[in-house]
C-alpha atoms as a PDB file:
ATOM      1  CA  GLY A   1      94.176 123.579  93.310  1.00  0.00           C
ATOM      2  CA  GLU A   2      96.529 120.902  94.685  1.00  0.00           C
ATOM      3  CA  GLN A   3      94.144 120.088  97.557  1.00  0.00           C
ATOM      4  CA  THR A   4      91.286 119.392  95.162  1.00  0.00           C
ATOM      5  CA  ARG A   5      93.615 117.178  93.085  1.00  0.00           C
ATOM      6  CA  SER A   6      94.764 115.286  96.152  1.00  0.00           C
ATOM      7  CA  THR A   7      91.060 114.789  97.269  1.00  0.00           C
ATOM      8  CA  VAL A   8      90.151 113.453  93.800  1.00  0.00           C
ATOM      9  CA  LEU A   9      93.121 111.274  93.758  1.00  0.00           C
ATOM     10  CA  ALA A  10      92.387 109.852  97.202  1.00  0.00           C
ATOM     11  CA  ALA A  11      88.750 109.053  96.159  1.00  0.00           C
ATOM     12  CA  ALA A  12      90.067 107.432  92.946  1.00  0.00           C
ATOM     13  CA  ILE A  13      92.390 105.184  94.953  1.00  0.00           C
ATOM     14  CA  SER A  14      89.575 104.214  97.167  1.00  0.00           C
ATOM     15  CA  ARG A  15      86.973 103.589  94.462  1.00  0.00           C
ATOM     16  CA  PHE A  16      89.259 101.960  91.934  1.00  0.00           C
ATOM     17  CA  GLY A  17      90.730  99.877  94.675  1.00  0.00           C
ATOM     18  CA  ARG A  18      87.226  98.709  95.743  1.00  0.00           C
ATOM     19  CA  ASP A  19      85.458  98.389  92.378  1.00  0.00           C
ATOM     20  CA  GLY A  20      88.143  98.193  89.674  1.00  0.00           C
ATOM     21  CA  PHE A  21      88.710 100.231  86.634  1.00  0.00           C
ATOM     22  CA  ARG A  22      85.734  98.861  84.556  1.00  0.00           C
ATOM     23  CA  SER A  23      83.151  99.268  87.306  1.00  0.00           C
ATOM     24  CA  THR A  24      84.132 102.783  88.315  1.00  0.00           C
ATOM     25  CA  SER A  25      83.201 106.006  86.591  1.00  0.00           C
ATOM     26  CA  VAL A  26      84.723 109.402  86.928  1.00  0.00           C
ATOM     27  CA  THR A  27      81.416 110.656  88.156  1.00  0.00           C
ATOM     28  CA  ASP A  28      81.555 108.078  91.000  1.00  0.00           C
ATOM     29  CA  ILE A  29      84.904 109.352  92.000  1.00  0.00           C
ATOM     30  CA  ALA A  30      83.842 112.978  91.846  1.00  0.00           C
ATOM     31  CA  ARG A  31      80.818 112.186  94.024  1.00  0.00           C
ATOM     32  CA  GLU A  32      83.128 110.351  96.558  1.00  0.00           C
ATOM     33  CA  ALA A  33      85.453 113.284  96.533  1.00  0.00           C
ATOM     34  CA  GLY A  34      82.712 115.788  97.024  1.00  0.00           C
ATOM     35  CA  VAL A  35      83.423 117.702  93.794  1.00  0.00           C
ATOM     36  CA  GLY A  36      81.545 118.453  90.657  1.00  0.00           C
ATOM     37  CA  GLY A  37      81.384 115.738  88.029  1.00  0.00           C
ATOM     38  CA  THR A  38      83.802 117.401  85.600  1.00  0.00           C
ATOM     39  CA  VAL A  39      86.370 118.669  88.178  1.00  0.00           C
ATOM     40  CA  ALA A  40      88.585 115.558  87.750  1.00  0.00           C
ATOM     41  CA  TYR A  41      89.075 116.438  84.145  1.00  0.00           C
ATOM     42  CA  ALA A  42      90.776 119.704  85.196  1.00  0.00           C
ATOM     43  CA  TYR A  43      93.637 117.551  86.653  1.00  0.00           C
ATOM     44  CA  PHE A  44      93.466 114.257  84.533  1.00  0.00           C
ATOM     45  CA  GLU A  45      92.970 113.970  80.891  1.00  0.00           C
ATOM     46  CA  ASN A  46      90.630 111.007  81.031  1.00  0.00           C
ATOM     47  CA  LYS A  47      89.556 108.104  83.124  1.00  0.00           C
ATOM     48  CA  GLU A  48      92.625 106.042  82.232  1.00  0.00           C
ATOM     49  CA  ALA A  49      94.996 108.982  83.211  1.00  0.00           C
ATOM     50  CA  LEU A  50      93.271 109.168  86.578  1.00  0.00           C
ATOM     51  CA  PHE A  51      93.491 105.419  87.162  1.00  0.00           C
ATOM     52  CA  LEU A  52      97.229 105.516  86.280  1.00  0.00           C
ATOM     53  CA  ALA A  53      97.870 108.412  88.659  1.00  0.00           C
ATOM     54  CA  ALA A  54      95.876 106.750  91.339  1.00  0.00           C
ATOM     55  CA  PHE A  55      97.791 103.569  91.004  1.00  0.00           C
ATOM     56  CA  ASP A  56     101.191 105.275  90.905  1.00  0.00           C
ATOM     57  CA  GLU A  57     100.210 107.331  94.075  1.00  0.00           C
ATOM     58  CA  ASP A  58      98.923 104.210  95.965  1.00  0.00           C
ATOM     59  CA  VAL A  59     102.038 102.219  95.187  1.00  0.00           C
ATOM     60  CA  THR A  60     104.342 105.172  95.988  1.00  0.00           C
ATOM     61  CA  GLN A  61     102.741 105.487  99.417  1.00  0.00           C
ATOM     62  CA  LEU A  62     103.015 101.715 100.035  1.00  0.00           C
ATOM     63  CA  MET A  63     106.688 101.763  98.928  1.00  0.00           C
ATOM     64  CA  ALA A  64     107.332 104.753 101.172  1.00  0.00           C
ATOM     65  CA  SER A  65     106.354 102.650 104.148  1.00  0.00           C
ATOM     66  CA  GLY A  66     108.874 100.039 103.008  1.00  0.00           C
ATOM     67  CA  LEU A  67     111.502 102.591 102.455  1.00  0.00           C
ATOM     68  CA  ALA A  68     110.971 103.937 106.049  1.00  0.00           C
ATOM     69  CA  SER A  69     111.240 100.394 107.262  1.00  0.00           C
ATOM     70  CA  ALA A  70     114.544  99.706 105.463  1.00  0.00           C
ATOM     71  CA  GLU A  71     116.057 102.948 106.681  1.00  0.00           C
ATOM     72  CA  SER A  72     114.952 102.558 110.337  1.00  0.00           C
ATOM     73  CA  ASN A  73     115.808  98.893 110.977  1.00  0.00           C
ATOM     74  CA  ARG A  74     119.482  98.575 110.652  1.00  0.00           C
ATOM     75  CA  ASP A  75     119.769  95.045 112.165  1.00  0.00           C
ATOM     76  CA  GLN A  76     121.032  92.375 109.922  1.00  0.00           C
ATOM     77  CA  PRO A  77     119.185  90.098 108.719  1.00  0.00           C
ATOM     78  CA  GLU A  78     116.112  91.243 110.418  1.00  0.00           C
ATOM     79  CA  TRP A  79     115.707  94.309 108.227  1.00  0.00           C
ATOM     80  CA  GLN A  80     114.620  92.231 105.304  1.00  0.00           C
ATOM     81  CA  LEU A  81     111.901  90.466 107.338  1.00  0.00           C
ATOM     82  CA  HIS A  82     110.829  93.845 108.744  1.00  0.00           C
ATOM     83  CA  LEU A  83     110.622  95.354 105.273  1.00  0.00           C
ATOM     84  CA  PHE A  84     108.512  92.404 104.082  1.00  0.00           C
ATOM     85  CA  THR A  85     106.052  92.564 107.006  1.00  0.00           C
ATOM     86  CA  THR A  86     105.769  96.320 106.694  1.00  0.00           C
ATOM     87  CA  LEU A  87     104.840  96.017 103.007  1.00  0.00           C
ATOM     88  CA  LEU A  88     102.498  93.120 103.683  1.00  0.00           C
ATOM     89  CA  GLN A  89     100.689  95.039 106.474  1.00  0.00           C
ATOM     90  CA  GLY A  90     100.605  98.113 104.282  1.00  0.00           C
ATOM     91  CA  VAL A  91      98.739  96.392 101.458  1.00  0.00           C
ATOM     92  CA  ALA A  92      95.530  96.459 103.571  1.00  0.00           C
ATOM     93  CA  HIS A  93      95.752 100.257 103.627  1.00  0.00           C
ATOM     94  CA  HIS A  94      96.477 100.577  99.914  1.00  0.00           C
ATOM     95  CA  PRO A  95      93.500  99.131  98.154  1.00  0.00           C
ATOM     96  CA  LEU A  96      94.520  99.814  94.556  1.00  0.00           C
ATOM     97  CA  ALA A  97      98.060  98.402  95.004  1.00  0.00           C
ATOM     98  CA  GLY A  98      96.508  95.414  96.718  1.00  0.00           C
ATOM     99  CA  ARG A  99      94.040  94.974  93.772  1.00  0.00           C
ATOM    100  CA  VAL A 100      96.969  94.871  91.254  1.00  0.00           C
ATOM    101  CA  LEU A 101      98.993  92.494  93.498  1.00  0.00           C
ATOM    102  CA  ALA A 102      95.918  90.206  93.681  1.00  0.00           C
ATOM    103  CA  GLY A 103      95.842  90.069  89.887  1.00  0.00           C
ATOM    104  CA  LEU A 104      92.527  91.796  89.504  1.00  0.00           C
ATOM    105  CA  GLU A 105      93.930  94.603  87.324  1.00  0.00           C
ATOM    106  CA  PRO A 106      96.472  92.557  84.990  1.00  0.00           C
ATOM    107  CA  GLY A 107      97.167  95.468  82.688  1.00  0.00           C
ATOM    108  CA  LEU A 108      98.958  97.330  85.493  1.00  0.00           C
ATOM    109  CA  ALA A 109     101.302  94.525  86.645  1.00  0.00           C
ATOM    110  CA  PRO A 110     104.049  95.395  84.155  1.00  0.00           C
ATOM    111  CA  ARG A 111     103.852  99.058  85.255  1.00  0.00           C
ATOM    112  CA  LEU A 112     104.416  98.001  88.820  1.00  0.00           C
ATOM    113  CA  VAL A 113     107.845  96.477  88.118  1.00  0.00           C
ATOM    114  CA  ASP A 114     109.197  99.732  86.541  1.00  0.00           C
ATOM    115  CA  MET A 115     107.773 102.259  88.898  1.00  0.00           C
ATOM    116  CA  PRO A 116     109.990 104.934  90.387  1.00  0.00           C
ATOM    117  CA  ALA A 117     108.917 103.985  93.856  1.00  0.00           C
ATOM    118  CA  LEU A 118     110.108 100.415  93.362  1.00  0.00           C
ATOM    119  CA  GLN A 119     113.352 101.668  91.736  1.00  0.00           C
ATOM    120  CA  GLU A 120     113.888 103.640  94.873  1.00  0.00           C
ATOM    121  CA  LEU A 121     113.257 100.654  97.010  1.00  0.00           C
ATOM    122  CA  ARG A 122     115.850  98.732  94.972  1.00  0.00           C
ATOM    123  CA  ARG A 123     118.295 101.552  95.453  1.00  0.00           C
ATOM    124  CA  VAL A 124     117.810 101.756  99.204  1.00  0.00           C
ATOM    125  CA  VAL A 125     118.092  97.934  99.693  1.00  0.00           C
ATOM    126  CA  GLY A 126     121.321  97.971  97.626  1.00  0.00           C
ATOM    127  CA  GLU A 127     122.587 100.726  99.906  1.00  0.00           C
ATOM    128  CA  ARG A 128     121.641  98.709 102.935  1.00  0.00           C
ATOM    129  CA  ILE A 129     123.558  95.713 101.523  1.00  0.00           C
ATOM    130  CA  ALA A 130     126.642  97.907 100.809  1.00  0.00           C
ATOM    131  CA  ALA A 131     126.430  99.291 104.375  1.00  0.00           C
ATOM    132  CA  GLY A 132     126.339  95.833 105.747  1.00  0.00           C
ATOM    133  CA  GLN A 133     129.377  94.956 103.706  1.00  0.00           C
ATOM    134  CA  ALA A 134     131.204  97.922 105.173  1.00  0.00           C
ATOM    135  CA  ASP A 135     130.469  96.889 108.702  1.00  0.00           C
ATOM    136  CA  GLY A 136     131.063  93.159 108.152  1.00  0.00           C
ATOM    137  CA  THR A 137     127.466  91.939 108.624  1.00  0.00           C
ATOM    138  CA  VAL A 138     127.007  91.220 104.838  1.00  0.00           C
ATOM    139  CA  ARG A 139     129.212  89.045 102.530  1.00  0.00           C
ATOM    140  CA  SER A 140     131.763  91.053 100.832  1.00  0.00           C
ATOM    141  CA  ASP A 141     131.804  88.902  97.686  1.00  0.00           C
ATOM    142  CA  ILE A 142     128.450  90.041  96.318  1.00  0.00           C
ATOM    143  CA  GLU A 143     127.430  93.039  94.225  1.00  0.00           C
ATOM    144  CA  PRO A 144     125.080  95.186  96.414  1.00  0.00           C
ATOM    145  CA  GLU A 145     123.026  96.639  93.516  1.00  0.00           C
ATOM    146  CA  LEU A 146     122.482  93.182  91.812  1.00  0.00           C
ATOM    147  CA  VAL A 147     121.619  91.453  95.136  1.00  0.00           C
ATOM    148  CA  GLY A 148     119.492  94.304  96.161  1.00  0.00           C
ATOM    149  CA  ASN A 149     117.459  94.033  92.927  1.00  0.00           C
ATOM    150  CA  GLY A 150     117.158  90.251  93.683  1.00  0.00           C
ATOM    151  CA  VAL A 151     115.950  90.898  97.269  1.00  0.00           C
ATOM    152  CA  VAL A 152     113.279  93.385  96.145  1.00  0.00           C
ATOM    153  CA  ALA A 153     112.208  90.803  93.351  1.00  0.00           C
ATOM    154  CA  LEU A 154     111.912  88.132  95.929  1.00  0.00           C
ATOM    155  CA  LEU A 155     109.932  90.343  98.425  1.00  0.00           C
ATOM    156  CA  LEU A 156     107.579  91.474  95.593  1.00  0.00           C
ATOM    157  CA  SER A 157     107.023  87.808  94.525  1.00  0.00           C
ATOM    158  CA  LEU A 158     106.322  86.882  98.156  1.00  0.00           C
ATOM    159  CA  LEU A 159     103.984  89.840  98.447  1.00  0.00           C
ATOM    160  CA  VAL A 160     102.004  88.705  95.313  1.00  0.00           C
ATOM    161  CA  SER A 161     101.865  85.156  96.772  1.00  0.00           C
ATOM    162  CA  VAL A 162     100.573  86.249 100.106  1.00  0.00           C
ATOM    163  CA  VAL A 163      97.978  88.570  98.598  1.00  0.00           C
ATOM    164  CA  GLN A 164      96.756  85.985  96.041  1.00  0.00           C
ATOM    165  CA  LEU A 165      96.918  82.822  98.205  1.00  0.00           C
ATOM    166  CA  GLY A 166      96.786  84.168 101.762  1.00  0.00           C
ATOM    167  CA  GLU A 167      99.286  84.558 104.534  1.00  0.00           C
ATOM    168  CA  GLU A 168      99.095  80.811 105.531  1.00  0.00           C
ATOM    169  CA  SER A 169     100.534  79.919 102.072  1.00  0.00           C
ATOM    170  CA  VAL A 170     103.799  81.597 102.910  1.00  0.00           C
ATOM    171  CA  GLY A 171     103.813  81.103 106.603  1.00  0.00           C
ATOM    172  CA  ASP A 172     104.859  77.420 106.304  1.00  0.00           C
ATOM    173  CA  HIS A 173     107.836  78.555 104.298  1.00  0.00           C
ATOM    174  CA  ALA A 174     109.012  81.587 106.309  1.00  0.00           C
ATOM    175  CA  ASP A 175     111.915  79.808 107.847  1.00  0.00           C
ATOM    176  CA  ALA A 176     113.048  78.662 104.339  1.00  0.00           C
ATOM    177  CA  VAL A 177     112.790  82.144 102.957  1.00  0.00           C
ATOM    178  CA  ILE A 178     114.755  83.567 105.839  1.00  0.00           C
ATOM    179  CA  SER A 179     117.350  80.886 105.225  1.00  0.00           C
ATOM    180  CA  VAL A 180     117.736  82.007 101.679  1.00  0.00           C
ATOM    181  CA  PHE A 181     118.314  85.639 102.745  1.00  0.00           C
ATOM    182  CA  ASN A 182     120.782  84.462 105.233  1.00  0.00           C
ATOM    183  CA  ALA A 183     122.689  82.384 102.741  1.00  0.00           C
ATOM    184  CA  ALA A 184     122.774  85.129 100.202  1.00  0.00           C
ATOM    185  CA  LEU A 185     123.740  87.903 102.565  1.00  0.00           C
ATOM    186  CA  ASN A 186     125.443  86.607 105.703  1.00  0.00           C
ATOM    187  CA  PRO A 187     129.322  86.460 105.660  1.00  0.00           C
ATOM    188  CA  ILE A 188     130.651  83.004 104.869  1.00  0.00           C
ATOM    189  CA  VAL A 189     132.219  81.465 107.931  1.00  0.00           C
ATOM    190  CA  THR A 190     134.961  79.047 107.352  1.00  0.00           C
ATOM    191  CA  VAL A 191     135.948  76.673 110.024  1.00  0.00           C
ATOM    192  CA  ALA A 192     139.605  75.659 110.274  1.00  0.00           C
ATOM    193  CA  PRO A 193     140.103  71.907 110.207  1.00  0.00           C
ATOM    194  CA  VAL A 194     140.998  70.459 113.524  1.00  0.00           C
ATOM    195  CA  THR A 195     144.543  69.108 113.649  1.00  0.00           C
ATOM    196  CA  ARG A 196     145.613  66.322 115.868  1.00  0.00           C
END
């Protein structure tokens, strides 16, 4: 039943993440899952359906760690940095998501952008921005949903850069990225002119 499907899916994430779509057979996955060679077809129509389900599951798990981070870290502006580092560290434990972020499965990149898990992350980030507006830690003159989508797009772009180019490629620019988040989100402080 569901346990067998989950076992096959976990093996597919591992195998596709390590070897890619072209170099992996459903038989390889079944062997790794410890099930018969045709068992996967009871749950997935074909190799491509198994691949897409494995990708969706791996990205969903990765985004779940990001969602937990965004929910648990309420400090402004540190929550964005914490979210990014959580996702970055999580890529090492999500091989198929990492493979796609690395550009090794280009056919899946467009799917990543529209995934329900990423849409949920956008929603939560937008809510965090709205909550920050309510408590005065985020600018009141920005649209939370729009800026939340932008924050997630920037985080995803940074994640792709780090996965493809290495952490050192972004490390030199960390302060600049934090400055962009601060400028976009922090309340604008006006200083009254000094009168003499």
